């Protein structure tokens, strides 16, 4: 499997930046080939052609329909992050959620 490109978004990109760092650590420990970056939700369109998965902060659930319109036609898996691991910035749990969500599509 080639590198998996993941974009995390929250309101400003700050909390997702910490989550992305923790996910990168967890992915490295698991020997997974992933590129995980965090940006503001206003930047999704700038990255849509470069990513395989988009993980959205749980507090942004209200924009999921808007995100679906933005990614229409692109093979991007949209995942709403769970409050349980997002609140504690648990990168390992986030990576597991990502992997299980991607497996559902196989």
PDB file of N, CA and C in Angstrom:
ATOM      1  N   UNK A   1       0.845  -1.182   0.000  1.00  0.00           N
ATOM      2  CA  UNK A   1       0.000   0.000   0.000  1.00  0.00           C
ATOM      3  C   UNK A   1       0.887   1.241   0.000  1.00  0.00           C
ATOM      4  N   UNK A   2       0.546   2.193  -0.850  1.00  0.00           N
ATOM      5  CA  UNK A   2       1.333   3.416  -0.899  1.00  0.00           C
ATOM      6  C   UNK A   2       0.955   4.315   0.273  1.00  0.00           C
ATOM      7  N   UNK A   3       1.693   5.394   0.400  1.00  0.00           N
ATOM      8  CA  UNK A   3       1.454   6.314   1.515  1.00  0.00           C
ATOM      9  C   UNK A   3       0.006   6.794   1.527  1.00  0.00           C
ATOM     10  N   UNK A   4      -0.562   6.812   2.710  1.00  0.00           N
ATOM     11  CA  UNK A   4      -1.915   7.302   2.909  1.00  0.00           C
ATOM     12  C   UNK A   4      -1.824   8.764   3.319  1.00  0.00           C
ATOM     13  N   UNK A   5      -2.465   9.631   2.570  1.00  0.00           N
ATOM     14  CA  UNK A   5      -2.448  11.065   2.860  1.00  0.00           C
ATOM     15  C   UNK A   5      -3.733  11.459   3.580  1.00  0.00           C
ATOM     16  N   UNK A   6      -3.556  11.961   4.802  1.00  0.00           N
ATOM     17  CA  UNK A   6      -4.686  12.277   5.663  1.00  0.00           C
ATOM     18  C   UNK A   6      -4.654  13.758   6.032  1.00  0.00           C
ATOM     19  N   UNK A   7      -5.814  14.399   5.933  1.00  0.00           N
ATOM     20  CA  UNK A   7      -5.961  15.793   6.347  1.00  0.00           C
ATOM     21  C   UNK A   7      -6.914  15.838   7.528  1.00  0.00           C
ATOM     22  N   UNK A   8      -6.484  16.481   8.602  1.00  0.00           N
ATOM     23  CA  UNK A   8      -7.329  16.704   9.772  1.00  0.00           C
ATOM     24  C   UNK A   8      -7.762  18.160   9.753  1.00  0.00           C
ATOM     25  N   UNK A   9      -9.031  18.398  10.053  1.00  0.00           N
ATOM     26  CA  UNK A   9      -9.497  19.780  10.125  1.00  0.00           C
ATOM     27  C   UNK A   9     -10.267  20.033  11.411  1.00  0.00           C
ATOM     28  N   UNK A  10     -10.047  21.227  11.941  1.00  0.00           N
ATOM     29  CA  UNK A  10     -10.839  21.728  13.062  1.00  0.00           C
ATOM     30  C   UNK A  10     -11.136  23.179  12.712  1.00  0.00           C
ATOM     31  N   UNK A  11     -11.575  23.953  13.638  1.00  0.00           N
ATOM     32  CA  UNK A  11     -11.928  25.341  13.334  1.00  0.00           C
ATOM     33  C   UNK A  11     -10.749  26.163  12.843  1.00  0.00           C
ATOM     34  N   UNK A  12      -9.680  26.211  13.636  1.00  0.00           N
ATOM     35  CA  UNK A  12      -8.534  27.051  13.285  1.00  0.00           C
ATOM     36  C   UNK A  12      -7.323  26.243  12.867  1.00  0.00           C
ATOM     37  N   UNK A  13      -7.335  24.958  13.143  1.00  0.00           N
ATOM     38  CA  UNK A  13      -6.187  24.110  12.825  1.00  0.00           C
ATOM     39  C   UNK A  13      -5.298  23.862  14.027  1.00  0.00           C
ATOM     40  N   UNK A  14      -5.579  24.508  15.156  1.00  0.00           N
ATOM     41  CA  UNK A  14      -4.713  24.376  16.330  1.00  0.00           C
ATOM     42  C   UNK A  14      -4.868  23.025  17.016  1.00  0.00           C
ATOM     43  N   UNK A  15      -6.079  22.679  17.454  1.00  0.00           N
ATOM     44  CA  UNK A  15      -6.258  21.405  18.156  1.00  0.00           C
ATOM     45  C   UNK A  15      -5.988  20.230  17.240  1.00  0.00           C
ATOM     46  N   UNK A  16      -6.349  20.355  15.967  1.00  0.00           N
ATOM     47  CA  UNK A  16      -6.072  19.258  15.044  1.00  0.00           C
ATOM     48  C   UNK A  16      -4.573  19.136  14.789  1.00  0.00           C
ATOM     49  N   UNK A  17      -3.828  20.221  14.977  1.00  0.00           N
ATOM     50  CA  UNK A  17      -2.365  20.155  14.843  1.00  0.00           C
ATOM     51  C   UNK A  17      -1.753  19.250  15.893  1.00  0.00           C
ATOM     52  N   UNK A  18      -2.246  19.358  17.120  1.00  0.00           N
ATOM     53  CA  UNK A  18      -1.771  18.473  18.189  1.00  0.00           C
ATOM     54  C   UNK A  18      -2.195  17.033  17.915  1.00  0.00           C
ATOM     55  N   UNK A  19      -3.432  16.861  17.443  1.00  0.00           N
ATOM     56  CA  UNK A  19      -3.920  15.519  17.127  1.00  0.00           C
ATOM     57  C   UNK A  19      -3.102  14.909  15.993  1.00  0.00           C
ATOM     58  N   UNK A  20      -2.799  15.693  14.971  1.00  0.00           N
ATOM     59  CA  UNK A  20      -2.011  15.190  13.847  1.00  0.00           C
ATOM     60  C   UNK A  20      -0.634  14.724  14.320  1.00  0.00           C
ATOM     61  N   UNK A  21      -0.005  15.498  15.199  1.00  0.00           N
ATOM     62  CA  UNK A  21       1.309  15.112  15.726  1.00  0.00           C
ATOM     63  C   UNK A  21       1.215  13.792  16.484  1.00  0.00           C
ATOM     64  N   UNK A  22       0.166  13.636  17.294  1.00  0.00           N
ATOM     65  CA  UNK A  22      -0.013  12.403  18.048  1.00  0.00           C
ATOM     66  C   UNK A  22      -0.334  11.228  17.130  1.00  0.00           C
ATOM     67  N   UNK A  23      -1.071  11.488  16.060  1.00  0.00           N
ATOM     68  CA  UNK A  23      -1.370  10.427  15.100  1.00  0.00           C
ATOM     69  C   UNK A  23      -0.112  10.011  14.335  1.00  0.00           C
ATOM     70  N   UNK A  24       0.731  10.984  13.997  1.00  0.00           N
ATOM     71  CA  UNK A  24       1.987  10.649  13.303  1.00  0.00           C
ATOM     72  C   UNK A  24       2.848   9.742  14.176  1.00  0.00           C
ATOM     73  N   UNK A  25       2.916  10.045  15.480  1.00  0.00           N
ATOM     74  CA  UNK A  25       3.672   9.202  16.412  1.00  0.00           C
ATOM     75  C   UNK A  25       3.097   7.787  16.448  1.00  0.00           C
ATOM     76  N   UNK A  26       1.771   7.698  16.553  1.00  0.00           N
ATOM     77  CA  UNK A  26       1.103   6.388  16.619  1.00  0.00           C
ATOM     78  C   UNK A  26       1.319   5.610  15.324  1.00  0.00           C
ATOM     79  N   UNK A  27       1.226   6.275  14.182  1.00  0.00           N
ATOM     80  CA  UNK A  27       1.416   5.611  12.888  1.00  0.00           C
ATOM     81  C   UNK A  27       2.846   5.101  12.758  1.00  0.00           C
ATOM     82  N   UNK A  28       3.809   5.886  13.237  1.00  0.00           N
ATOM     83  CA  UNK A  28       5.211   5.474  13.169  1.00  0.00           C
ATOM     84  C   UNK A  28       5.447   4.220  14.012  1.00  0.00           C
ATOM     85  N   UNK A  29       4.880   4.196  15.218  1.00  0.00           N
ATOM     86  CA  UNK A  29       5.009   3.032  16.095  1.00  0.00           C
ATOM     87  C   UNK A  29       4.404   1.797  15.432  1.00  0.00           C
ATOM     88  N   UNK A  30       3.298   1.987  14.704  1.00  0.00           N
ATOM     89  CA  UNK A  30       2.616   0.881  14.031  1.00  0.00           C
ATOM     90  C   UNK A  30       3.244   0.562  12.673  1.00  0.00           C
ATOM     91  N   UNK A  31       4.295   1.293  12.310  1.00  0.00           N
ATOM     92  CA  UNK A  31       4.972   1.094  11.028  1.00  0.00           C
ATOM     93  C   UNK A  31       4.051   1.343   9.836  1.00  0.00           C
ATOM     94  N   UNK A  32       3.198   2.349   9.937  1.00  0.00           N
ATOM     95  CA  UNK A  32       2.259   2.691   8.879  1.00  0.00           C
ATOM     96  C   UNK A  32       2.820   3.842   8.058  1.00  0.00           C
ATOM     97  N   UNK A  33       2.629   3.768   6.757  1.00  0.00           N
ATOM     98  CA  UNK A  33       3.117   4.807   5.853  1.00  0.00           C
ATOM     99  C   UNK A  33       2.006   5.840   5.660  1.00  0.00           C
ATOM    100  N   UNK A  34       2.037   6.862   6.513  1.00  0.00           N
ATOM    101  CA  UNK A  34       0.993   7.892   6.475  1.00  0.00           C
ATOM    102  C   UNK A  34       1.590   9.287   6.530  1.00  0.00           C
ATOM    103  N   UNK A  35       0.976  10.173   5.780  1.00  0.00           N
ATOM    104  CA  UNK A  35       1.263  11.597   5.885  1.00  0.00           C
ATOM    105  C   UNK A  35       0.017  12.218   6.508  1.00  0.00           C
ATOM    106  N   UNK A  36       0.182  12.839   7.678  1.00  0.00           N
ATOM    107  CA  UNK A  36      -0.960  13.389   8.399  1.00  0.00           C
ATOM    108  C   UNK A  36      -0.700  14.864   8.677  1.00  0.00           C
ATOM    109  N   UNK A  37      -1.538  15.719   8.106  1.00  0.00           N
ATOM    110  CA  UNK A  37      -1.388  17.152   8.314  1.00  0.00           C
ATOM    111  C   UNK A  37      -2.699  17.733   8.826  1.00  0.00           C
ATOM    112  N   UNK A  38      -2.595  18.862   9.482  1.00  0.00           N
ATOM    113  CA  UNK A  38      -3.772  19.539  10.035  1.00  0.00           C
ATOM    114  C   UNK A  38      -3.891  20.935   9.431  1.00  0.00           C
ATOM    115  N   UNK A  39      -5.103  21.291   9.131  1.00  0.00           N
ATOM    116  CA  UNK A  39      -5.386  22.614   8.576  1.00  0.00           C
ATOM    117  C   UNK A  39      -6.743  23.089   9.094  1.00  0.00           C
ATOM    118  N   UNK A  40      -7.027  24.344   8.824  1.00  0.00           N
ATOM    119  CA  UNK A  40      -8.340  24.908   9.119  1.00  0.00           C
ATOM    120  C   UNK A  40      -9.348  24.336   8.132  1.00  0.00           C
ATOM    121  N   UNK A  41     -10.587  24.247   8.563  1.00  0.00           N
ATOM    122  CA  UNK A  41     -11.608  23.691   7.675  1.00  0.00           C
ATOM    123  C   UNK A  41     -11.801  24.555   6.432  1.00  0.00           C
ATOM    124  N   UNK A  42     -11.406  25.803   6.487  1.00  0.00           N
ATOM    125  CA  UNK A  42     -11.534  26.681   5.320  1.00  0.00           C
ATOM    126  C   UNK A  42     -10.544  26.327   4.211  1.00  0.00           C
ATOM    127  N   UNK A  43      -9.575  25.460   4.510  1.00  0.00           N
ATOM    128  CA  UNK A  43      -8.551  25.094   3.530  1.00  0.00           C
ATOM    129  C   UNK A  43      -8.786  23.747   2.846  1.00  0.00           C
ATOM    130  N   UNK A  44      -9.902  23.085   3.143  1.00  0.00           N
ATOM    131  CA  UNK A  44     -10.150  21.751   2.590  1.00  0.00           C
ATOM    132  C   UNK A  44     -10.002  21.734   1.071  1.00  0.00           C
ATOM    133  N   UNK A  45     -10.604  22.693   0.402  1.00  0.00           N
ATOM    134  CA  UNK A  45     -10.575  22.708  -1.067  1.00  0.00           C
ATOM    135  C   UNK A  45      -9.143  22.760  -1.616  1.00  0.00           C
ATOM    136  N   UNK A  46      -8.218  23.348  -0.874  1.00  0.00           N
ATOM    137  CA  UNK A  46      -6.832  23.457  -1.334  1.00  0.00           C
ATOM    138  C   UNK A  46      -6.112  22.110  -1.348  1.00  0.00           C
ATOM    139  N   UNK A  47      -6.618  21.147  -0.581  1.00  0.00           N
ATOM    140  CA  UNK A  47      -5.917  19.868  -0.414  1.00  0.00           C
ATOM    141  C   UNK A  47      -6.688  18.666  -0.957  1.00  0.00           C
ATOM    142  N   UNK A  48      -7.895  18.866  -1.402  1.00  0.00           N
ATOM    143  CA  UNK A  48      -8.792  17.768  -1.737  1.00  0.00           C
ATOM    144  C   UNK A  48      -8.211  16.812  -2.789  1.00  0.00           C
ATOM    145  N   UNK A  49      -7.415  17.322  -3.708  1.00  0.00           N
ATOM    146  CA  UNK A  49      -6.847  16.478  -4.762  1.00  0.00           C
ATOM    147  C   UNK A  49      -5.642  15.674  -4.274  1.00  0.00           C
ATOM    148  N   UNK A  50      -5.134  15.995  -3.087  1.00  0.00           N
ATOM    149  CA  UNK A  50      -3.912  15.366  -2.591  1.00  0.00           C
ATOM    150  C   UNK A  50      -4.148  14.350  -1.482  1.00  0.00           C
ATOM    151  N   UNK A  51      -5.397  14.220  -1.010  1.00  0.00           N
ATOM    152  CA  UNK A  51      -5.628  13.396   0.173  1.00  0.00           C
ATOM    153  C   UNK A  51      -6.473  12.163  -0.126  1.00  0.00           C
ATOM    154  N   UNK A  52      -6.310  11.168   0.754  1.00  0.00           N
ATOM    155  CA  UNK A  52      -7.096   9.941   0.679  1.00  0.00           C
ATOM    156  C   UNK A  52      -8.204   9.940   1.726  1.00  0.00           C
ATOM    157  N   UNK A  53      -7.942  10.615   2.836  1.00  0.00           N
ATOM    158  CA  UNK A  53      -8.921  10.663   3.926  1.00  0.00           C
ATOM    159  C   UNK A  53      -8.940  12.050   4.548  1.00  0.00           C
ATOM    160  N   UNK A  54     -10.124  12.446   4.973  1.00  0.00           N
ATOM    161  CA  UNK A  54     -10.328  13.731   5.642  1.00  0.00           C
ATOM    162  C   UNK A  54     -10.982  13.438   6.986  1.00  0.00           C
ATOM    163  N   UNK A  55     -10.283  13.780   8.055  1.00  0.00           N
ATOM    164  CA  UNK A  55     -10.826  13.578   9.399  1.00  0.00           C
ATOM    165  C   UNK A  55     -11.248  14.938   9.945  1.00  0.00           C
ATOM    166  N   UNK A  56     -12.503  14.999  10.368  1.00  0.00           N
ATOM    167  CA  UNK A  56     -13.123  16.256  10.778  1.00  0.00           C
ATOM    168  C   UNK A  56     -13.337  16.260  12.289  1.00  0.00           C
ATOM    169  N   UNK A  57     -12.956  17.351  12.937  1.00  0.00           N
ATOM    170  CA  UNK A  57     -13.164  17.486  14.376  1.00  0.00           C
ATOM    171  C   UNK A  57     -14.629  17.310  14.726  1.00  0.00           C
ATOM    172  N   UNK A  58     -14.931  16.660  15.846  1.00  0.00           N
ATOM    173  CA  UNK A  58     -16.324  16.376  16.208  1.00  0.00           C
ATOM    174  C   UNK A  58     -17.191  17.621  16.364  1.00  0.00           C
ATOM    175  N   UNK A  59     -16.565  18.737  16.702  1.00  0.00           N
ATOM    176  CA  UNK A  59     -17.317  19.988  16.860  1.00  0.00           C
ATOM    177  C   UNK A  59     -17.725  20.591  15.519  1.00  0.00           C
ATOM    178  N   UNK A  60     -17.244  20.010  14.407  1.00  0.00           N
ATOM    179  CA  UNK A  60     -17.586  20.509  13.069  1.00  0.00           C
ATOM    180  C   UNK A  60     -18.576  19.593  12.354  1.00  0.00           C
ATOM    181  N   UNK A  61     -19.260  18.759  13.102  1.00  0.00           N
ATOM    182  CA  UNK A  61     -20.223  17.836  12.493  1.00  0.00           C
ATOM    183  C   UNK A  61     -21.226  18.591  11.617  1.00  0.00           C
ATOM    184  N   UNK A  62     -21.549  19.804  12.002  1.00  0.00           N
ATOM    185  CA  UNK A  62     -22.543  20.596  11.274  1.00  0.00           C
ATOM    186  C   UNK A  62     -22.118  20.954   9.845  1.00  0.00           C
ATOM    187  N   UNK A  63     -20.833  20.805   9.498  1.00  0.00           N
ATOM    188  CA  UNK A  63     -20.402  21.142   8.132  1.00  0.00           C
ATOM    189  C   UNK A  63     -20.164  19.896   7.263  1.00  0.00           C
ATOM    190  N   UNK A  64     -20.516  18.723   7.766  1.00  0.00           N
ATOM    191  CA  UNK A  64     -20.288  17.489   7.006  1.00  0.00           C
ATOM    192  C   UNK A  64     -20.977  17.529   5.640  1.00  0.00           C
ATOM    193  N   UNK A  65     -22.204  18.020   5.569  1.00  0.00           N
ATOM    194  CA  UNK A  65     -22.903  18.100   4.277  1.00  0.00           C
ATOM    195  C   UNK A  65     -22.159  19.014   3.315  1.00  0.00           C
ATOM    196  N   UNK A  66     -21.655  20.123   3.836  1.00  0.00           N
ATOM    197  CA  UNK A  66     -20.886  21.070   3.019  1.00  0.00           C
ATOM    198  C   UNK A  66     -19.596  20.405   2.522  1.00  0.00           C
ATOM    199  N   UNK A  67     -18.958  19.637   3.396  1.00  0.00           N
ATOM    200  CA  UNK A  67     -17.733  18.928   3.024  1.00  0.00           C
ATOM    201  C   UNK A  67     -18.028  17.901   1.940  1.00  0.00           C
ATOM    202  N   UNK A  68     -19.147  17.189   2.072  1.00  0.00           N
ATOM    203  CA  UNK A  68     -19.529  16.205   1.062  1.00  0.00           C
ATOM    204  C   UNK A  68     -19.669  16.857  -0.314  1.00  0.00           C
ATOM    205  N   UNK A  69     -20.186  18.077  -0.347  1.00  0.00           N
ATOM    206  CA  UNK A  69     -20.301  18.808  -1.614  1.00  0.00           C
ATOM    207  C   UNK A  69     -18.926  19.175  -2.160  1.00  0.00           C
ATOM    208  N   UNK A  70     -18.014  19.573  -1.284  1.00  0.00           N
ATOM    209  CA  UNK A  70     -16.670  19.961  -1.702  1.00  0.00           C
ATOM    210  C   UNK A  70     -15.926  18.770  -2.301  1.00  0.00           C
ATOM    211  N   UNK A  71     -16.053  17.594  -1.673  1.00  0.00           N
ATOM    212  CA  UNK A  71     -15.278  16.441  -2.142  1.00  0.00           C
ATOM    213  C   UNK A  71     -15.992  15.644  -3.226  1.00  0.00           C
ATOM    214  N   UNK A  72     -17.172  16.049  -3.600  1.00  0.00           N
ATOM    215  CA  UNK A  72     -17.947  15.317  -4.603  1.00  0.00           C
ATOM    216  C   UNK A  72     -17.082  14.974  -5.824  1.00  0.00           C
ATOM    217  N   UNK A  73     -17.008  13.695  -6.123  1.00  0.00           N
ATOM    218  CA  UNK A  73     -16.231  13.267  -7.276  1.00  0.00           C
ATOM    219  C   UNK A  73     -14.800  12.880  -6.950  1.00  0.00           C
ATOM    220  N   UNK A  74     -14.308  13.232  -5.789  1.00  0.00           N
ATOM    221  CA  UNK A  74     -12.952  12.862  -5.390  1.00  0.00           C
ATOM    222  C   UNK A  74     -13.015  11.628  -4.490  1.00  0.00           C
ATOM    223  N   UNK A  75     -12.068  10.702  -4.647  1.00  0.00           N
ATOM    224  CA  UNK A  75     -12.077   9.476  -3.831  1.00  0.00           C
ATOM    225  C   UNK A  75     -11.497   9.717  -2.436  1.00  0.00           C
ATOM    226  N   UNK A  76     -12.192  10.510  -1.650  1.00  0.00           N
ATOM    227  CA  UNK A  76     -11.736  10.881  -0.311  1.00  0.00           C
ATOM    228  C   UNK A  76     -12.713  10.336   0.718  1.00  0.00           C
ATOM    229  N   UNK A  77     -12.197   9.608   1.690  1.00  0.00           N
ATOM    230  CA  UNK A  77     -13.029   9.082   2.786  1.00  0.00           C
ATOM    231  C   UNK A  77     -13.152  10.185   3.838  1.00  0.00           C
ATOM    232  N   UNK A  78     -14.384  10.585   4.159  1.00  0.00           N
ATOM    233  CA  UNK A  78     -14.623  11.603   5.180  1.00  0.00           C
ATOM    234  C   UNK A  78     -14.992  10.896   6.480  1.00  0.00           C
ATOM    235  N   UNK A  79     -14.274  11.228   7.539  1.00  0.00           N
ATOM    236  CA  UNK A  79     -14.471  10.589   8.836  1.00  0.00           C
ATOM    237  C   UNK A  79     -14.675  11.667   9.893  1.00  0.00           C
ATOM    238  N   UNK A  80     -15.780  11.575  10.593  1.00  0.00           N
ATOM    239  CA  UNK A  80     -16.026  12.474  11.721  1.00  0.00           C
ATOM    240  C   UNK A  80     -15.322  11.879  12.938  1.00  0.00           C
ATOM    241  N   UNK A  81     -14.350  12.595  13.468  1.00  0.00           N
ATOM    242  CA  UNK A  81     -13.618  12.093  14.625  1.00  0.00           C
ATOM    243  C   UNK A  81     -14.542  11.988  15.838  1.00  0.00           C
ATOM    244  N   UNK A  82     -14.238  11.038  16.697  1.00  0.00           N
ATOM    245  CA  UNK A  82     -15.055  10.811  17.886  1.00  0.00           C
ATOM    246  C   UNK A  82     -14.594  11.712  19.026  1.00  0.00           C
ATOM    247  N   UNK A  83     -15.572  12.241  19.751  1.00  0.00           N
ATOM    248  CA  UNK A  83     -15.269  13.126  20.880  1.00  0.00           C
ATOM    249  C   UNK A  83     -14.371  12.440  21.904  1.00  0.00           C
ATOM    250  N   UNK A  84     -14.573  11.130  22.080  1.00  0.00           N
ATOM    251  CA  UNK A  84     -13.842  10.387  23.109  1.00  0.00           C
ATOM    252  C   UNK A  84     -12.329  10.498  22.930  1.00  0.00           C
ATOM    253  N   UNK A  85     -11.840  10.338  21.729  1.00  0.00           N
ATOM    254  CA  UNK A  85     -10.386  10.427  21.540  1.00  0.00           C
ATOM    255  C   UNK A  85      -9.930  11.828  21.157  1.00  0.00           C
ATOM    256  N   UNK A  86     -10.811  12.602  20.561  1.00  0.00           N
ATOM    257  CA  UNK A  86     -10.418  13.959  20.176  1.00  0.00           C
ATOM    258  C   UNK A  86     -10.173  14.816  21.412  1.00  0.00           C
ATOM    259  N   UNK A  87     -11.006  14.663  22.413  1.00  0.00           N
ATOM    260  CA  UNK A  87     -10.893  15.467  23.641  1.00  0.00           C
ATOM    261  C   UNK A  87      -9.577  15.216  24.370  1.00  0.00           C
ATOM    262  N   UNK A  88      -9.063  13.998  24.243  1.00  0.00           N
ATOM    263  CA  UNK A  88      -7.812  13.655  24.929  1.00  0.00           C
ATOM    264  C   UNK A  88      -6.620  13.638  23.972  1.00  0.00           C
ATOM    265  N   UNK A  89      -6.873  13.989  22.704  1.00  0.00           N
ATOM    266  CA  UNK A  89      -5.833  13.998  21.661  1.00  0.00           C
ATOM    267  C   UNK A  89      -5.130  12.639  21.573  1.00  0.00           C
ATOM    268  N   UNK A  90      -5.923  11.567  21.662  1.00  0.00           N
ATOM    269  CA  UNK A  90      -5.413  10.197  21.615  1.00  0.00           C
ATOM    270  C   UNK A  90      -5.142   9.805  20.160  1.00  0.00           C
ATOM    271  N   UNK A  91      -3.912   9.986  19.742  1.00  0.00           N
ATOM    272  CA  UNK A  91      -3.520   9.696  18.362  1.00  0.00           C
ATOM    273  C   UNK A  91      -3.674   8.240  17.986  1.00  0.00           C
ATOM    274  N   UNK A  92      -3.405   7.346  18.926  1.00  0.00           N
ATOM    275  CA  UNK A  92      -3.523   5.922  18.660  1.00  0.00           C
ATOM    276  C   UNK A  92      -4.979   5.550  18.349  1.00  0.00           C
ATOM    277  N   UNK A  93      -5.904   6.029  19.156  1.00  0.00           N
ATOM    278  CA  UNK A  93      -7.330   5.747  18.931  1.00  0.00           C
ATOM    279  C   UNK A  93      -7.796   6.365  17.608  1.00  0.00           C
ATOM    280  N   UNK A  94      -7.281   7.532  17.270  1.00  0.00           N
ATOM    281  CA  UNK A  94      -7.656   8.182  16.016  1.00  0.00           C
ATOM    282  C   UNK A  94      -7.162   7.371  14.820  1.00  0.00           C
ATOM    283  N   UNK A  95      -5.932   6.859  14.896  1.00  0.00           N
ATOM    284  CA  UNK A  95      -5.394   6.026  13.807  1.00  0.00           C
ATOM    285  C   UNK A  95      -6.219   4.757  13.670  1.00  0.00           C
ATOM    286  N   UNK A  96      -6.589   4.149  14.783  1.00  0.00           N
ATOM    287  CA  UNK A  96      -7.417   2.935  14.743  1.00  0.00           C
ATOM    288  C   UNK A  96      -8.775   3.235  14.106  1.00  0.00           C
ATOM    289  N   UNK A  97      -9.368   4.367  14.445  1.00  0.00           N
ATOM    290  CA  UNK A  97     -10.650   4.767  13.854  1.00  0.00           C
ATOM    291  C   UNK A  97     -10.490   4.977  12.351  1.00  0.00           C
ATOM    292  N   UNK A  98      -9.427   5.627  11.960  1.00  0.00           N
ATOM    293  CA  UNK A  98      -9.134   5.856  10.543  1.00  0.00           C
ATOM    294  C   UNK A  98      -9.025   4.525   9.800  1.00  0.00           C
ATOM    295  N   UNK A  99      -8.219   3.616  10.333  1.00  0.00           N
ATOM    296  CA  UNK A  99      -8.009   2.328   9.672  1.00  0.00           C
ATOM    297  C   UNK A  99      -9.295   1.511   9.580  1.00  0.00           C
ATOM    298  N   UNK A 100     -10.082   1.500  10.658  1.00  0.00           N
ATOM    299  CA  UNK A 100     -11.329   0.731  10.627  1.00  0.00           C
ATOM    300  C   UNK A 100     -12.327   1.357   9.650  1.00  0.00           C
ATOM    301  N   UNK A 101     -12.345   2.680   9.543  1.00  0.00           N
ATOM    302  CA  UNK A 101     -13.236   3.357   8.602  1.00  0.00           C
ATOM    303  C   UNK A 101     -12.844   3.063   7.158  1.00  0.00           C
ATOM    304  N   UNK A 102     -11.548   3.032   6.893  1.00  0.00           N
ATOM    305  CA  UNK A 102     -11.079   2.721   5.551  1.00  0.00           C
ATOM    306  C   UNK A 102     -11.362   1.266   5.190  1.00  0.00           C
ATOM    307  N   UNK A 103     -11.253   0.382   6.166  1.00  0.00           N
ATOM    308  CA  UNK A 103     -11.506  -1.042   5.948  1.00  0.00           C
ATOM    309  C   UNK A 103     -12.964  -1.291   5.580  1.00  0.00           C
ATOM    310  N   UNK A 104     -13.879  -0.475   6.125  1.00  0.00           N
ATOM    311  CA  UNK A 104     -15.301  -0.614   5.817  1.00  0.00           C
ATOM    312  C   UNK A 104     -15.566  -0.438   4.328  1.00  0.00           C
ATOM    313  N   UNK A 105     -14.731   0.350   3.661  1.00  0.00           N
ATOM    314  CA  UNK A 105     -14.936   0.644   2.239  1.00  0.00           C
ATOM    315  C   UNK A 105     -14.333  -0.405   1.311  1.00  0.00           C
ATOM    316  N   UNK A 106     -13.555  -1.327   1.870  1.00  0.00           N
ATOM    317  CA  UNK A 106     -12.905  -2.325   1.005  1.00  0.00           C
ATOM    318  C   UNK A 106     -13.879  -3.349   0.488  1.00  0.00           C
TER     319      UNK A 106
END
